[in-house]
Amino acid sequence: MHNAAPLKNALDWASRPPNVWADKAAAIISASGGSGGSRSQYHLRQIGVFLDLHFINKPEFFLNAFQPPAKFDENSNLIDAQTKENLKKVLLSLQAFTLRLQGR
């Protein structure tokens, strides 16, 4: 399990007045070996509500990084074509949502 303290500290510091997270679009992605990523995403969404973040709802992205086929090469580069496509969909959805929040 990775230490979540750096993420928690970043969220804490940036939420102090003025809260730089307020009214920002956000997406959550996770790569784990099981259900830890989905549980983490759920908790981060709860925190985001308090921070006034606006999350995209779809598509969700949960990557089981150890399930075949291989997702990463020996240099930690993403190599799985389906995972790349799913990640692209998340990023395009985030871009569209961001533009909508900005009134464009």
N, C-alpha and C. Protein backbone atom coordinates (compact mmCIF):
# COMPACT_ATOMS: atom_id res chain seq x y z
N MET A 1 0.85 -1.17 0.00
CA MET A 1 0.00 0.00 0.00
C MET A 1 0.90 1.24 0.00
N HIS A 2 0.57 2.17 -0.85
CA HIS A 2 1.34 3.41 -0.94
C HIS A 2 0.88 4.38 0.13
N ASN A 3 1.77 5.25 0.54
CA ASN A 3 1.48 6.25 1.55
C ASN A 3 0.65 7.37 0.93
N ALA A 4 -0.52 7.61 1.47
CA ALA A 4 -1.41 8.65 0.95
C ALA A 4 -1.14 10.02 1.55
N ALA A 5 -0.18 10.14 2.44
CA ALA A 5 0.08 11.41 3.12
C ALA A 5 0.40 12.55 2.16
N PRO A 6 1.22 12.36 1.11
CA PRO A 6 1.49 13.49 0.21
C PRO A 6 0.22 14.01 -0.48
N LEU A 7 -0.67 13.13 -0.88
CA LEU A 7 -1.92 13.58 -1.49
C LEU A 7 -2.77 14.32 -0.48
N LYS A 8 -2.89 13.77 0.72
CA LYS A 8 -3.67 14.43 1.76
C LYS A 8 -3.11 15.81 2.07
N ASN A 9 -1.80 15.92 2.17
CA ASN A 9 -1.19 17.22 2.45
C ASN A 9 -1.46 18.22 1.33
N ALA A 10 -1.37 17.78 0.09
CA ALA A 10 -1.65 18.67 -1.04
C ALA A 10 -3.09 19.15 -1.01
N LEU A 11 -4.02 18.25 -0.73
CA LEU A 11 -5.43 18.63 -0.65
C LEU A 11 -5.66 19.61 0.51
N ASP A 12 -5.06 19.32 1.65
CA ASP A 12 -5.22 20.20 2.81
C ASP A 12 -4.69 21.60 2.54
N TRP A 13 -3.47 21.69 2.07
CA TRP A 13 -2.84 23.00 1.87
C TRP A 13 -3.56 23.81 0.80
N ALA A 14 -3.93 23.18 -0.29
CA ALA A 14 -4.57 23.92 -1.37
C ALA A 14 -6.01 24.31 -1.06
N SER A 15 -6.60 23.69 -0.04
CA SER A 15 -7.98 24.03 0.30
C SER A 15 -8.07 25.19 1.30
N ARG A 16 -6.93 25.61 1.82
CA ARG A 16 -6.95 26.76 2.75
C ARG A 16 -7.31 28.03 1.98
N PRO A 17 -7.94 28.97 2.63
CA PRO A 17 -8.35 30.18 1.91
C PRO A 17 -7.19 30.86 1.19
N PRO A 18 -7.37 31.20 -0.06
CA PRO A 18 -8.51 30.86 -0.91
C PRO A 18 -8.40 29.42 -1.41
N ASN A 19 -9.48 28.69 -1.38
CA ASN A 19 -9.53 27.29 -1.81
C ASN A 19 -9.32 27.21 -3.32
N VAL A 20 -8.14 26.78 -3.75
CA VAL A 20 -7.85 26.73 -5.19
C VAL A 20 -8.57 25.58 -5.89
N TRP A 21 -9.15 24.66 -5.13
CA TRP A 21 -9.89 23.55 -5.74
C TRP A 21 -11.31 23.97 -6.14
N ALA A 22 -11.84 25.01 -5.55
CA ALA A 22 -13.25 25.38 -5.74
C ALA A 22 -13.59 25.60 -7.21
N ASP A 23 -14.70 25.01 -7.59
CA ASP A 23 -15.27 25.14 -8.94
C ASP A 23 -14.39 24.62 -10.06
N LYS A 24 -13.49 23.68 -9.75
CA LYS A 24 -12.64 23.07 -10.77
C LYS A 24 -13.23 21.74 -11.20
N ALA A 25 -13.07 21.43 -12.46
CA ALA A 25 -13.45 20.12 -12.97
C ALA A 25 -12.36 19.13 -12.59
N ALA A 26 -12.76 17.88 -12.35
CA ALA A 26 -11.79 16.87 -11.95
C ALA A 26 -12.23 15.49 -12.43
N ALA A 27 -11.26 14.64 -12.58
CA ALA A 27 -11.49 13.23 -12.88
C ALA A 27 -10.57 12.43 -11.99
N ILE A 28 -10.99 11.24 -11.64
CA ILE A 28 -10.16 10.38 -10.80
C ILE A 28 -9.86 9.11 -11.59
N ILE A 29 -8.61 8.73 -11.61
CA ILE A 29 -8.21 7.46 -12.20
C ILE A 29 -7.38 6.72 -11.16
N SER A 30 -7.40 5.41 -11.24
CA SER A 30 -6.60 4.63 -10.30
C SER A 30 -6.08 3.38 -10.99
N ALA A 31 -4.92 2.96 -10.53
CA ALA A 31 -4.33 1.70 -10.97
C ALA A 31 -3.94 0.95 -9.71
N SER A 32 -4.53 -0.21 -9.53
CA SER A 32 -4.26 -0.98 -8.33
C SER A 32 -4.20 -2.46 -8.69
N GLY A 33 -4.08 -3.27 -7.68
CA GLY A 33 -4.04 -4.71 -7.89
C GLY A 33 -5.34 -5.38 -7.53
N GLY A 34 -6.34 -4.62 -7.21
CA GLY A 34 -7.62 -5.19 -6.80
C GLY A 34 -8.66 -4.11 -6.63
N SER A 35 -9.37 -4.14 -5.50
CA SER A 35 -10.45 -3.18 -5.28
C SER A 35 -9.99 -1.94 -4.52
N GLY A 36 -8.72 -1.83 -4.19
CA GLY A 36 -8.23 -0.66 -3.46
C GLY A 36 -8.42 0.62 -4.23
N GLY A 37 -8.25 0.57 -5.54
CA GLY A 37 -8.43 1.77 -6.36
C GLY A 37 -9.85 2.29 -6.34
N SER A 38 -10.81 1.38 -6.43
CA SER A 38 -12.21 1.82 -6.42
C SER A 38 -12.60 2.39 -5.07
N ARG A 39 -12.12 1.79 -3.99
CA ARG A 39 -12.41 2.33 -2.65
C ARG A 39 -11.76 3.70 -2.48
N SER A 40 -10.55 3.85 -2.98
CA SER A 40 -9.86 5.14 -2.89
C SER A 40 -10.59 6.21 -3.69
N GLN A 41 -11.06 5.84 -4.88
CA GLN A 41 -11.79 6.80 -5.71
C GLN A 41 -13.06 7.26 -5.01
N TYR A 42 -13.78 6.34 -4.39
CA TYR A 42 -15.00 6.71 -3.68
C TYR A 42 -14.70 7.70 -2.56
N HIS A 43 -13.66 7.43 -1.80
CA HIS A 43 -13.30 8.31 -0.70
C HIS A 43 -12.84 9.68 -1.22
N LEU A 44 -12.07 9.70 -2.29
CA LEU A 44 -11.61 10.96 -2.85
C LEU A 44 -12.78 11.79 -3.38
N ARG A 45 -13.79 11.14 -3.91
CA ARG A 45 -15.00 11.87 -4.34
C ARG A 45 -15.67 12.54 -3.14
N GLN A 46 -15.72 11.83 -2.02
CA GLN A 46 -16.32 12.41 -0.81
C GLN A 46 -15.54 13.65 -0.37
N ILE A 47 -14.23 13.57 -0.40
CA ILE A 47 -13.39 14.71 -0.03
C ILE A 47 -13.60 15.85 -1.02
N GLY A 48 -13.69 15.51 -2.30
CA GLY A 48 -13.87 16.51 -3.35
C GLY A 48 -15.14 17.32 -3.19
N VAL A 49 -16.20 16.72 -2.69
CA VAL A 49 -17.44 17.44 -2.45
C VAL A 49 -17.19 18.56 -1.43
N PHE A 50 -16.47 18.24 -0.37
CA PHE A 50 -16.15 19.25 0.65
C PHE A 50 -15.27 20.36 0.06
N LEU A 51 -14.39 20.00 -0.88
CA LEU A 51 -13.49 20.98 -1.50
C LEU A 51 -14.13 21.77 -2.63
N ASP A 52 -15.38 21.45 -2.97
CA ASP A 52 -16.13 22.10 -4.05
C ASP A 52 -15.55 21.78 -5.42
N LEU A 53 -15.02 20.56 -5.57
CA LEU A 53 -14.59 20.06 -6.88
C LEU A 53 -15.80 19.51 -7.61
N HIS A 54 -15.76 19.52 -8.92
CA HIS A 54 -16.84 18.98 -9.74
C HIS A 54 -16.27 17.84 -10.58
N PHE A 55 -16.63 16.62 -10.22
CA PHE A 55 -16.09 15.44 -10.89
C PHE A 55 -16.93 15.03 -12.09
N ILE A 56 -16.25 14.56 -13.13
CA ILE A 56 -17.00 13.93 -14.21
C ILE A 56 -17.59 12.64 -13.65
N ASN A 57 -18.73 12.24 -14.14
CA ASN A 57 -19.37 11.01 -13.67
C ASN A 57 -19.05 9.82 -14.55
N LYS A 58 -18.85 10.08 -15.83
CA LYS A 58 -18.57 8.99 -16.77
C LYS A 58 -17.55 9.47 -17.78
N PRO A 59 -16.71 8.62 -18.26
CA PRO A 59 -16.56 7.24 -17.83
C PRO A 59 -15.71 7.15 -16.56
N GLU A 60 -15.94 6.10 -15.80
CA GLU A 60 -15.09 5.83 -14.65
C GLU A 60 -13.87 5.06 -15.13
N PHE A 61 -12.78 5.16 -14.40
CA PHE A 61 -11.55 4.48 -14.81
C PHE A 61 -10.92 3.79 -13.61
N PHE A 62 -11.00 2.48 -13.60
CA PHE A 62 -10.37 1.64 -12.58
C PHE A 62 -9.49 0.65 -13.33
N LEU A 63 -8.22 0.70 -13.11
CA LEU A 63 -7.31 -0.21 -13.80
C LEU A 63 -6.75 -1.23 -12.83
N ASN A 64 -7.02 -2.50 -13.10
CA ASN A 64 -6.36 -3.57 -12.36
C ASN A 64 -5.03 -3.79 -13.08
N ALA A 65 -3.99 -3.20 -12.55
CA ALA A 65 -2.70 -3.14 -13.23
C ALA A 65 -2.01 -4.49 -13.38
N PHE A 66 -2.44 -5.48 -12.64
CA PHE A 66 -1.75 -6.76 -12.67
C PHE A 66 -2.52 -7.85 -13.39
N GLN A 67 -3.69 -7.53 -13.89
CA GLN A 67 -4.50 -8.49 -14.63
C GLN A 67 -4.01 -8.53 -16.08
N PRO A 68 -3.79 -9.74 -16.64
CA PRO A 68 -3.36 -9.82 -18.04
C PRO A 68 -4.39 -9.20 -18.97
N PRO A 69 -3.96 -8.66 -20.10
CA PRO A 69 -2.60 -8.55 -20.59
C PRO A 69 -1.81 -7.48 -19.83
N ALA A 70 -0.51 -7.48 -19.99
CA ALA A 70 0.35 -6.50 -19.31
C ALA A 70 -0.09 -5.09 -19.67
N LYS A 71 -0.14 -4.23 -18.67
CA LYS A 71 -0.55 -2.83 -18.89
C LYS A 71 0.65 -1.90 -19.05
N PHE A 72 1.77 -2.26 -18.43
CA PHE A 72 2.95 -1.41 -18.43
C PHE A 72 4.18 -2.22 -18.83
N ASP A 73 5.15 -1.56 -19.45
CA ASP A 73 6.41 -2.23 -19.76
C ASP A 73 7.37 -2.10 -18.58
N GLU A 74 8.59 -2.57 -18.77
CA GLU A 74 9.58 -2.56 -17.68
C GLU A 74 9.99 -1.16 -17.25
N ASN A 75 9.67 -0.13 -18.07
CA ASN A 75 9.97 1.26 -17.74
C ASN A 75 8.74 2.02 -17.24
N SER A 76 7.68 1.28 -16.92
CA SER A 76 6.42 1.84 -16.41
C SER A 76 5.67 2.65 -17.46
N ASN A 77 5.94 2.42 -18.73
CA ASN A 77 5.19 3.06 -19.81
C ASN A 77 3.91 2.28 -20.06
N LEU A 78 2.80 2.99 -20.24
CA LEU A 78 1.53 2.35 -20.54
C LEU A 78 1.61 1.75 -21.94
N ILE A 79 1.34 0.45 -22.07
CA ILE A 79 1.46 -0.22 -23.37
C ILE A 79 0.17 -0.88 -23.83
N ASP A 80 -0.81 -1.02 -22.95
CA ASP A 80 -2.05 -1.71 -23.30
C ASP A 80 -2.96 -0.79 -24.10
N ALA A 81 -3.30 -1.19 -25.34
CA ALA A 81 -4.09 -0.35 -26.24
C ALA A 81 -5.48 -0.04 -25.68
N GLN A 82 -6.16 -1.02 -25.09
CA GLN A 82 -7.50 -0.79 -24.56
C GLN A 82 -7.46 0.17 -23.38
N THR A 83 -6.47 0.04 -22.54
CA THR A 83 -6.32 0.95 -21.41
C THR A 83 -6.05 2.37 -21.90
N LYS A 84 -5.21 2.50 -22.92
CA LYS A 84 -4.95 3.82 -23.50
C LYS A 84 -6.24 4.44 -24.03
N GLU A 85 -7.04 3.64 -24.71
CA GLU A 85 -8.30 4.14 -25.27
C GLU A 85 -9.25 4.57 -24.15
N ASN A 86 -9.35 3.77 -23.10
CA ASN A 86 -10.22 4.12 -21.97
C ASN A 86 -9.75 5.39 -21.28
N LEU A 87 -8.45 5.53 -21.11
CA LEU A 87 -7.89 6.73 -20.51
C LEU A 87 -8.16 7.96 -21.38
N LYS A 88 -8.05 7.79 -22.69
CA LYS A 88 -8.34 8.88 -23.62
C LYS A 88 -9.79 9.34 -23.47
N LYS A 89 -10.72 8.41 -23.31
CA LYS A 89 -12.13 8.76 -23.13
C LYS A 89 -12.34 9.58 -21.86
N VAL A 90 -11.64 9.21 -20.79
CA VAL A 90 -11.74 9.96 -19.54
C VAL A 90 -11.24 11.39 -19.75
N LEU A 91 -10.10 11.53 -20.39
CA LEU A 91 -9.50 12.85 -20.59
C LEU A 91 -10.36 13.72 -21.51
N LEU A 92 -10.95 13.14 -22.54
CA LEU A 92 -11.84 13.91 -23.42
C LEU A 92 -13.10 14.34 -22.68
N SER A 93 -13.62 13.48 -21.83
CA SER A 93 -14.78 13.84 -21.02
C SER A 93 -14.44 14.96 -20.05
N LEU A 94 -13.26 14.88 -19.44
CA LEU A 94 -12.82 15.95 -18.53
C LEU A 94 -12.66 17.26 -19.28
N GLN A 95 -12.09 17.22 -20.46
CA GLN A 95 -11.92 18.44 -21.25
C GLN A 95 -13.28 19.07 -21.58
N ALA A 96 -14.23 18.25 -22.04
CA ALA A 96 -15.55 18.77 -22.38
C ALA A 96 -16.26 19.35 -21.16
N PHE A 97 -16.15 18.67 -20.02
CA PHE A 97 -16.77 19.14 -18.79
C PHE A 97 -16.14 20.45 -18.33
N THR A 98 -14.83 20.55 -18.43
CA THR A 98 -14.13 21.78 -18.05
C THR A 98 -14.61 22.95 -18.89
N LEU A 99 -14.71 22.75 -20.18
CA LEU A 99 -15.18 23.81 -21.08
C LEU A 99 -16.62 24.21 -20.74
N ARG A 100 -17.46 23.22 -20.40
CA ARG A 100 -18.84 23.51 -20.03
C ARG A 100 -18.89 24.35 -18.74
N LEU A 101 -18.06 24.00 -17.77
CA LEU A 101 -18.04 24.77 -16.52
C LEU A 101 -17.56 26.21 -16.76
N GLN A 102 -16.69 26.38 -17.74
CA GLN A 102 -16.16 27.71 -18.06
C GLN A 102 -17.10 28.49 -18.97
N GLY A 103 -18.22 27.89 -19.35
CA GLY A 103 -19.20 28.56 -20.20
C GLY A 103 -18.82 28.61 -21.66
N ARG A 104 -17.97 27.70 -22.08
CA ARG A 104 -17.57 27.66 -23.50
C ARG A 104 -18.25 26.55 -24.24
